[in-house]
Amino acid sequence: MSNGPGKYNDLCVEAMEKAKAKCAIVIIMDGENGNGFSVNATSPDYIHALPKMLMVMAMKVQQDLEAGAKKMN
């Protein structure tokens, strides 16, 4: 994980505040400042939980893509 604020840090902070969240992740693809991500958390515990959470998300996206491809055939 990169150290310091990411190029989309302001957007991440805004999302966290609006959601009244303890942690927020913003992932941007082809944004004004290019691709990037930012993570903000109130506790390191949330940062330590991220790898597993992101792996689960990736698996679910992959499953959805595969299920969609099967429907198209």
C-alpha atoms as a PDB file:
ATOM      1  CA  MET A   1       0.000   0.000   0.000  1.00  0.00           C
ATOM      2  CA  SER A   2       1.307   3.430  -0.811  1.00  0.00           C
ATOM      3  CA  ASN A   3       2.230   5.766   1.992  1.00  0.00           C
ATOM      4  CA  GLY A   4       0.600   9.144   2.370  1.00  0.00           C
ATOM      5  CA  PRO A   5      -2.474  10.547   0.701  1.00  0.00           C
ATOM      6  CA  GLY A   6      -3.360   9.169  -2.723  1.00  0.00           C
ATOM      7  CA  LYS A   7      -4.316  11.352  -5.661  1.00  0.00           C
ATOM      8  CA  TYR A   8      -8.004  10.815  -4.803  1.00  0.00           C
ATOM      9  CA  ASN A   9      -7.615  11.370  -1.058  1.00  0.00           C
ATOM     10  CA  ASP A  10     -10.041  14.323  -0.956  1.00  0.00           C
ATOM     11  CA  LEU A  11     -12.770  12.228  -2.585  1.00  0.00           C
ATOM     12  CA  CYS A  12     -12.113   9.369  -0.169  1.00  0.00           C
ATOM     13  CA  VAL A  13     -12.308  11.658   2.865  1.00  0.00           C
ATOM     14  CA  GLU A  14     -15.556  13.141   1.520  1.00  0.00           C
ATOM     15  CA  ALA A  15     -17.082   9.666   1.022  1.00  0.00           C
ATOM     16  CA  MET A  16     -16.057   8.621   4.527  1.00  0.00           C
ATOM     17  CA  GLU A  17     -17.562  11.752   6.067  1.00  0.00           C
ATOM     18  CA  LYS A  18     -20.818  11.578   4.079  1.00  0.00           C
ATOM     19  CA  ALA A  19     -21.282   7.901   4.949  1.00  0.00           C
ATOM     20  CA  LYS A  20     -20.278   8.487   8.585  1.00  0.00           C
ATOM     21  CA  ALA A  21     -17.942   5.535   8.038  1.00  0.00           C
ATOM     22  CA  LYS A  22     -14.932   4.319   9.966  1.00  0.00           C
ATOM     23  CA  CYS A  23     -13.160   3.389   6.730  1.00  0.00           C
ATOM     24  CA  ALA A  24     -13.498   4.228   3.038  1.00  0.00           C
ATOM     25  CA  ILE A  25     -11.823   3.036  -0.116  1.00  0.00           C
ATOM     26  CA  VAL A  26     -12.063   4.900  -3.402  1.00  0.00           C
ATOM     27  CA  ILE A  27     -10.901   3.236  -6.604  1.00  0.00           C
ATOM     28  CA  ILE A  28     -10.885   5.372  -9.734  1.00  0.00           C
ATOM     29  CA  MET A  29     -10.391   4.157 -13.291  1.00  0.00           C
ATOM     30  CA  ASP A  30      -9.759   6.690 -16.059  1.00  0.00           C
ATOM     31  CA  GLY A  31     -10.484   9.644 -13.789  1.00  0.00           C
ATOM     32  CA  GLU A  32      -9.388  13.228 -14.257  1.00  0.00           C
ATOM     33  CA  ASN A  33      -6.115  12.365 -12.513  1.00  0.00           C
ATOM     34  CA  GLY A  34      -5.786   8.948 -14.128  1.00  0.00           C
ATOM     35  CA  ASN A  35      -6.141   5.617 -12.360  1.00  0.00           C
ATOM     36  CA  GLY A  36      -5.682   5.557  -8.629  1.00  0.00           C
ATOM     37  CA  PHE A  37      -6.984   4.689  -5.209  1.00  0.00           C
ATOM     38  CA  SER A  38      -7.165   6.129  -1.730  1.00  0.00           C
ATOM     39  CA  VAL A  39      -7.871   4.548   1.634  1.00  0.00           C
ATOM     40  CA  ASN A  40      -8.775   6.333   4.849  1.00  0.00           C
ATOM     41  CA  ALA A  41      -9.516   4.680   8.175  1.00  0.00           C
ATOM     42  CA  THR A  42      -9.982   5.679  11.782  1.00  0.00           C
ATOM     43  CA  SER A  43      -8.037   2.642  13.000  1.00  0.00           C
ATOM     44  CA  PRO A  44      -5.270   0.406  11.636  1.00  0.00           C
ATOM     45  CA  ASP A  45      -7.591  -2.558  12.295  1.00  0.00           C
ATOM     46  CA  TYR A  46      -9.617  -1.573   9.234  1.00  0.00           C
ATOM     47  CA  ILE A  47      -6.486  -1.436   7.092  1.00  0.00           C
ATOM     48  CA  HIS A  48      -5.506  -4.938   8.259  1.00  0.00           C
ATOM     49  CA  ALA A  49      -8.955  -6.248   7.221  1.00  0.00           C
ATOM     50  CA  LEU A  50      -8.640  -4.855   3.676  1.00  0.00           C
ATOM     51  CA  PRO A  51      -6.702  -7.642   1.917  1.00  0.00           C
ATOM     52  CA  LYS A  52      -9.271 -10.318   2.780  1.00  0.00           C
ATOM     53  CA  MET A  53     -12.193  -8.012   1.988  1.00  0.00           C
ATOM     54  CA  LEU A  54     -10.716  -7.054  -1.389  1.00  0.00           C
ATOM     55  CA  MET A  55     -10.059 -10.714  -2.257  1.00  0.00           C
ATOM     56  CA  VAL A  56     -13.692 -11.570  -1.476  1.00  0.00           C
ATOM     57  CA  MET A  57     -14.842  -8.634  -3.613  1.00  0.00           C
ATOM     58  CA  ALA A  58     -12.629  -9.753  -6.489  1.00  0.00           C
ATOM     59  CA  MET A  59     -14.000 -13.304  -6.318  1.00  0.00           C
ATOM     60  CA  LYS A  60     -17.599 -12.022  -6.341  1.00  0.00           C
ATOM     61  CA  VAL A  61     -16.938  -9.763  -9.335  1.00  0.00           C
ATOM     62  CA  GLN A  62     -15.338 -12.694 -11.155  1.00  0.00           C
ATOM     63  CA  GLN A  63     -18.321 -14.930 -10.354  1.00  0.00           C
ATOM     64  CA  ASP A  64     -20.745 -12.272 -11.594  1.00  0.00           C
ATOM     65  CA  LEU A  65     -18.772 -11.867 -14.820  1.00  0.00           C
ATOM     66  CA  GLU A  66     -18.735 -15.627 -15.383  1.00  0.00           C
ATOM     67  CA  ALA A  67     -22.462 -15.893 -14.640  1.00  0.00           C
ATOM     68  CA  GLY A  68     -23.164 -13.050 -17.063  1.00  0.00           C
ATOM     69  CA  ALA A  69     -21.071 -14.699 -19.751  1.00  0.00           C
ATOM     70  CA  LYS A  70     -23.011 -17.950 -19.328  1.00  0.00           C
ATOM     71  CA  LYS A  71     -26.319 -16.078 -19.754  1.00  0.00           C
ATOM     72  CA  MET A  72     -25.020 -14.540 -22.989  1.00  0.00           C
ATOM     73  CA  ASN A  73     -24.273 -17.983 -24.506  1.00  0.00           C
END
